[in-house]
Amino acid sequence: MAEYRAVCRVEALPPGQGRSFVVAGREIALFHVEGGFHALDNNCCHAGGPLGEGALEGCVVTCPWHAWRYDVTTGVSVMSAHLAVQRFETRVKDAQVEVLV
């Protein structure tokens, strides 16, 4: 059963940044965009590149390995709507970012 798990404190991830975390045994890429937090599977659809290490421009992250791009708010590729990585719900509770896994 899915439950919210603490990932980091709000101030640990500045706006416009992303980072990889292991949450309940899963690699999650967490992004801070426009005052909100968004979580995706950390592995790019193409070759498993670490999305949490990619460059973030607005709400689009670019995989550092082969430049595949994803909208972090949906997990959908901006190159092809047929490609997507899993997206996870997030919330902030007591200044802690939590992800539903």
N, C-alpha and C. Protein backbone atom coordinates (compact mmCIF):
# COMPACT_ATOMS: atom_id res chain seq x y z
N MET A 1 0.83 -1.19 0.00
CA MET A 1 0.00 0.00 0.00
C MET A 1 0.87 1.25 0.00
N ALA A 2 0.52 2.20 -0.83
CA ALA A 2 1.30 3.44 -0.95
C ALA A 2 1.10 4.31 0.29
N GLU A 3 2.17 4.98 0.66
CA GLU A 3 2.10 5.93 1.78
C GLU A 3 3.09 7.05 1.54
N TYR A 4 2.83 8.20 2.17
CA TYR A 4 3.74 9.32 2.03
C TYR A 4 5.00 9.05 2.85
N ARG A 5 6.15 9.32 2.23
CA ARG A 5 7.45 9.14 2.88
C ARG A 5 8.22 10.46 2.81
N ALA A 6 8.86 10.82 3.92
CA ALA A 6 9.66 12.04 3.97
C ALA A 6 10.88 11.90 3.07
N VAL A 7 11.17 12.96 2.31
CA VAL A 7 12.31 12.95 1.39
C VAL A 7 13.38 13.93 1.83
N CYS A 8 12.98 15.18 2.05
CA CYS A 8 13.93 16.21 2.48
C CYS A 8 13.15 17.39 3.05
N ARG A 9 13.87 18.28 3.69
CA ARG A 9 13.26 19.51 4.16
C ARG A 9 13.10 20.46 2.97
N VAL A 10 12.12 21.31 3.02
CA VAL A 10 11.83 22.25 1.93
C VAL A 10 13.07 23.05 1.55
N GLU A 11 13.79 23.56 2.54
CA GLU A 11 14.95 24.42 2.25
C GLU A 11 16.14 23.65 1.67
N ALA A 12 16.10 22.34 1.68
CA ALA A 12 17.20 21.54 1.13
C ALA A 12 17.19 21.50 -0.40
N LEU A 13 16.08 21.88 -1.01
CA LEU A 13 15.97 21.87 -2.47
C LEU A 13 15.47 23.24 -2.95
N PRO A 14 16.38 24.13 -3.33
CA PRO A 14 15.99 25.48 -3.74
C PRO A 14 15.14 25.48 -5.01
N PRO A 15 14.33 26.51 -5.20
CA PRO A 15 13.53 26.63 -6.43
C PRO A 15 14.43 26.56 -7.67
N GLY A 16 13.92 25.88 -8.71
CA GLY A 16 14.65 25.76 -9.95
C GLY A 16 15.69 24.65 -9.95
N GLN A 17 15.64 23.79 -8.93
CA GLN A 17 16.63 22.71 -8.81
C GLN A 17 15.94 21.35 -8.73
N GLY A 18 16.72 20.33 -9.04
CA GLY A 18 16.27 18.95 -8.89
C GLY A 18 17.36 18.13 -8.25
N ARG A 19 16.98 16.99 -7.71
CA ARG A 19 17.95 16.12 -7.04
C ARG A 19 17.39 14.72 -6.95
N SER A 20 18.28 13.75 -6.92
CA SER A 20 17.88 12.35 -6.79
C SER A 20 17.87 11.92 -5.33
N PHE A 21 16.90 11.08 -4.98
CA PHE A 21 16.79 10.53 -3.64
C PHE A 21 16.38 9.06 -3.75
N VAL A 22 16.70 8.29 -2.73
CA VAL A 22 16.17 6.93 -2.64
C VAL A 22 15.06 6.99 -1.59
N VAL A 23 13.86 6.61 -2.01
CA VAL A 23 12.69 6.66 -1.14
C VAL A 23 12.03 5.29 -1.14
N ALA A 24 11.98 4.66 0.00
CA ALA A 24 11.38 3.32 0.12
C ALA A 24 11.97 2.35 -0.92
N GLY A 25 13.30 2.44 -1.12
CA GLY A 25 13.98 1.55 -2.05
C GLY A 25 13.88 1.92 -3.52
N ARG A 26 13.23 3.04 -3.83
CA ARG A 26 13.08 3.49 -5.23
C ARG A 26 13.89 4.74 -5.45
N GLU A 27 14.48 4.87 -6.64
CA GLU A 27 15.17 6.10 -7.01
C GLU A 27 14.15 7.10 -7.54
N ILE A 28 14.06 8.23 -6.86
CA ILE A 28 13.10 9.28 -7.19
C ILE A 28 13.86 10.56 -7.53
N ALA A 29 13.40 11.25 -8.57
CA ALA A 29 13.93 12.58 -8.90
C ALA A 29 12.91 13.59 -8.38
N LEU A 30 13.37 14.49 -7.52
CA LEU A 30 12.49 15.50 -6.93
C LEU A 30 12.89 16.86 -7.47
N PHE A 31 11.91 17.65 -7.89
CA PHE A 31 12.14 18.96 -8.48
C PHE A 31 11.32 20.02 -7.76
N HIS A 32 11.90 21.21 -7.60
CA HIS A 32 11.22 22.35 -6.98
C HIS A 32 10.96 23.37 -8.08
N VAL A 33 9.71 23.48 -8.51
CA VAL A 33 9.33 24.33 -9.63
C VAL A 33 8.17 25.23 -9.24
N GLU A 34 8.34 26.54 -9.46
CA GLU A 34 7.26 27.51 -9.25
C GLU A 34 6.56 27.32 -7.91
N GLY A 35 7.33 27.15 -6.86
CA GLY A 35 6.76 27.03 -5.53
C GLY A 35 6.18 25.68 -5.19
N GLY A 36 6.25 24.72 -6.11
CA GLY A 36 5.73 23.39 -5.85
C GLY A 36 6.80 22.34 -6.06
N PHE A 37 6.53 21.16 -5.55
CA PHE A 37 7.47 20.05 -5.68
C PHE A 37 6.85 18.97 -6.56
N HIS A 38 7.69 18.38 -7.41
CA HIS A 38 7.24 17.35 -8.34
C HIS A 38 8.23 16.19 -8.29
N ALA A 39 7.70 14.97 -8.29
CA ALA A 39 8.55 13.78 -8.19
C ALA A 39 8.29 12.85 -9.36
N LEU A 40 9.39 12.34 -9.93
CA LEU A 40 9.34 11.40 -11.04
C LEU A 40 10.24 10.22 -10.73
N ASP A 41 10.02 9.12 -11.45
CA ASP A 41 10.98 8.03 -11.44
C ASP A 41 12.30 8.64 -11.92
N ASN A 42 13.39 8.32 -11.28
CA ASN A 42 14.67 8.93 -11.61
C ASN A 42 15.28 8.42 -12.91
N ASN A 43 14.75 7.34 -13.47
CA ASN A 43 15.36 6.71 -14.65
C ASN A 43 14.68 7.14 -15.95
N CYS A 44 15.45 7.76 -16.82
CA CYS A 44 14.99 8.17 -18.15
C CYS A 44 14.52 6.94 -18.93
N CYS A 45 13.46 7.12 -19.73
CA CYS A 45 12.94 6.02 -20.57
C CYS A 45 13.95 5.52 -21.58
N HIS A 46 14.83 6.37 -22.03
CA HIS A 46 15.75 6.02 -23.11
C HIS A 46 16.82 5.03 -22.67
N ALA A 47 17.65 5.42 -21.71
CA ALA A 47 18.76 4.55 -21.30
C ALA A 47 18.96 4.54 -19.80
N GLY A 48 17.94 4.97 -19.06
CA GLY A 48 18.02 4.92 -17.61
C GLY A 48 18.84 6.03 -16.97
N GLY A 49 19.09 7.11 -17.70
CA GLY A 49 19.87 8.22 -17.15
C GLY A 49 19.21 8.83 -15.93
N PRO A 50 20.00 9.41 -15.03
CA PRO A 50 19.49 9.97 -13.77
C PRO A 50 18.84 11.34 -13.96
N LEU A 51 17.53 11.39 -14.04
CA LEU A 51 16.83 12.65 -14.29
C LEU A 51 17.07 13.68 -13.20
N GLY A 52 17.26 13.24 -11.97
CA GLY A 52 17.52 14.17 -10.87
C GLY A 52 18.82 14.94 -11.02
N GLU A 53 19.69 14.49 -11.91
CA GLU A 53 20.95 15.18 -12.17
C GLU A 53 20.87 16.05 -13.43
N GLY A 54 19.71 16.07 -14.07
CA GLY A 54 19.54 16.82 -15.31
C GLY A 54 19.33 18.30 -15.08
N ALA A 55 19.53 19.07 -16.15
CA ALA A 55 19.30 20.52 -16.11
C ALA A 55 17.80 20.79 -16.12
N LEU A 56 17.36 21.69 -15.26
CA LEU A 56 15.95 22.05 -15.15
C LEU A 56 15.76 23.45 -15.69
N GLU A 57 14.90 23.59 -16.70
CA GLU A 57 14.54 24.89 -17.26
C GLU A 57 13.03 25.02 -17.17
N GLY A 58 12.57 25.91 -16.30
CA GLY A 58 11.13 26.00 -16.06
C GLY A 58 10.65 24.70 -15.48
N CYS A 59 9.73 24.03 -16.17
CA CYS A 59 9.22 22.75 -15.67
C CYS A 59 9.72 21.58 -16.53
N VAL A 60 10.79 21.79 -17.30
CA VAL A 60 11.32 20.73 -18.17
C VAL A 60 12.72 20.34 -17.71
N VAL A 61 12.91 19.05 -17.47
CA VAL A 61 14.22 18.52 -17.13
C VAL A 61 14.80 17.81 -18.35
N THR A 62 16.11 17.99 -18.55
CA THR A 62 16.82 17.34 -19.64
C THR A 62 17.73 16.27 -19.06
N CYS A 63 17.57 15.04 -19.52
CA CYS A 63 18.40 13.95 -19.04
C CYS A 63 19.87 14.25 -19.36
N PRO A 64 20.75 14.08 -18.38
CA PRO A 64 22.16 14.41 -18.61
C PRO A 64 22.89 13.44 -19.54
N TRP A 65 22.32 12.30 -19.82
CA TRP A 65 23.01 11.32 -20.67
C TRP A 65 22.79 11.56 -22.16
N HIS A 66 21.53 11.69 -22.59
CA HIS A 66 21.26 11.79 -24.02
C HIS A 66 20.25 12.88 -24.37
N ALA A 67 20.02 13.80 -23.45
CA ALA A 67 19.20 15.00 -23.68
C ALA A 67 17.72 14.73 -23.94
N TRP A 68 17.19 13.61 -23.48
CA TRP A 68 15.73 13.43 -23.55
C TRP A 68 15.12 14.38 -22.53
N ARG A 69 13.96 14.95 -22.87
CA ARG A 69 13.36 15.99 -22.01
C ARG A 69 11.97 15.59 -21.54
N TYR A 70 11.66 15.94 -20.29
CA TYR A 70 10.38 15.59 -19.67
C TYR A 70 9.81 16.79 -18.93
N ASP A 71 8.49 16.91 -18.96
CA ASP A 71 7.79 17.89 -18.13
C ASP A 71 7.70 17.29 -16.74
N VAL A 72 8.30 17.95 -15.76
CA VAL A 72 8.34 17.38 -14.41
C VAL A 72 6.97 17.40 -13.72
N THR A 73 6.04 18.19 -14.23
CA THR A 73 4.71 18.24 -13.62
C THR A 73 3.83 17.06 -14.03
N THR A 74 4.19 16.41 -15.16
CA THR A 74 3.38 15.30 -15.67
C THR A 74 4.17 14.01 -15.87
N GLY A 75 5.48 14.13 -16.06
CA GLY A 75 6.32 12.97 -16.39
C GLY A 75 6.35 12.65 -17.87
N VAL A 76 5.59 13.39 -18.67
CA VAL A 76 5.48 13.14 -20.11
C VAL A 76 6.64 13.80 -20.85
N SER A 77 7.17 13.09 -21.83
CA SER A 77 8.25 13.61 -22.66
C SER A 77 7.74 14.78 -23.49
N VAL A 78 8.54 15.83 -23.58
CA VAL A 78 8.16 16.96 -24.44
C VAL A 78 8.50 16.66 -25.89
N MET A 79 9.21 15.57 -26.14
CA MET A 79 9.57 15.16 -27.49
C MET A 79 8.51 14.25 -28.11
N SER A 80 7.82 13.48 -27.27
CA SER A 80 6.78 12.57 -27.75
C SER A 80 5.80 12.30 -26.62
N ALA A 81 4.55 12.63 -26.83
CA ALA A 81 3.52 12.44 -25.80
C ALA A 81 3.28 10.97 -25.48
N HIS A 82 3.85 10.07 -26.27
CA HIS A 82 3.69 8.63 -26.03
C HIS A 82 4.72 8.09 -25.05
N LEU A 83 5.68 8.92 -24.64
CA LEU A 83 6.73 8.50 -23.71
C LEU A 83 6.55 9.24 -22.39
N ALA A 84 6.70 8.50 -21.31
CA ALA A 84 6.57 9.13 -19.99
C ALA A 84 7.29 8.30 -18.95
N VAL A 85 7.70 8.97 -17.88
CA VAL A 85 8.22 8.29 -16.70
C VAL A 85 7.15 8.40 -15.62
N GLN A 86 7.22 7.50 -14.66
CA GLN A 86 6.21 7.50 -13.60
C GLN A 86 6.32 8.76 -12.77
N ARG A 87 5.17 9.31 -12.45
CA ARG A 87 5.05 10.51 -11.62
C ARG A 87 4.50 10.11 -10.26
N PHE A 88 4.96 10.78 -9.20
CA PHE A 88 4.51 10.49 -7.85
C PHE A 88 3.91 11.75 -7.22
N GLU A 89 2.86 11.59 -6.47
CA GLU A 89 2.26 12.71 -5.75
C GLU A 89 3.21 13.19 -4.67
N THR A 90 3.20 14.51 -4.43
CA THR A 90 4.02 15.09 -3.36
C THR A 90 3.15 15.96 -2.47
N ARG A 91 3.66 16.22 -1.29
CA ARG A 91 3.02 17.18 -0.39
C ARG A 91 4.10 17.73 0.54
N VAL A 92 3.81 18.86 1.16
CA VAL A 92 4.69 19.44 2.17
C VAL A 92 3.95 19.38 3.49
N LYS A 93 4.61 18.78 4.47
CA LYS A 93 4.02 18.64 5.81
C LYS A 93 5.10 18.97 6.83
N ASP A 94 4.83 19.96 7.67
CA ASP A 94 5.80 20.39 8.70
C ASP A 94 7.16 20.70 8.09
N ALA A 95 7.16 21.45 6.97
CA ALA A 95 8.37 21.88 6.27
C ALA A 95 9.19 20.72 5.71
N GLN A 96 8.56 19.57 5.57
CA GLN A 96 9.20 18.38 5.02
C GLN A 96 8.50 18.01 3.72
N VAL A 97 9.27 17.76 2.64
CA VAL A 97 8.69 17.31 1.39
C VAL A 97 8.48 15.80 1.50
N GLU A 98 7.27 15.35 1.16
CA GLU A 98 6.95 13.94 1.22
C GLU A 98 6.47 13.48 -0.16
N VAL A 99 6.77 12.22 -0.48
CA VAL A 99 6.39 11.62 -1.74
C VAL A 99 5.55 10.38 -1.46
N LEU A 100 4.48 10.21 -2.23
CA LEU A 100 3.60 9.04 -2.10
C LEU A 100 4.19 7.89 -2.90
N VAL A 101 4.72 6.89 -2.20
CA VAL A 101 5.28 5.70 -2.86
C VAL A 101 4.69 4.43 -2.25
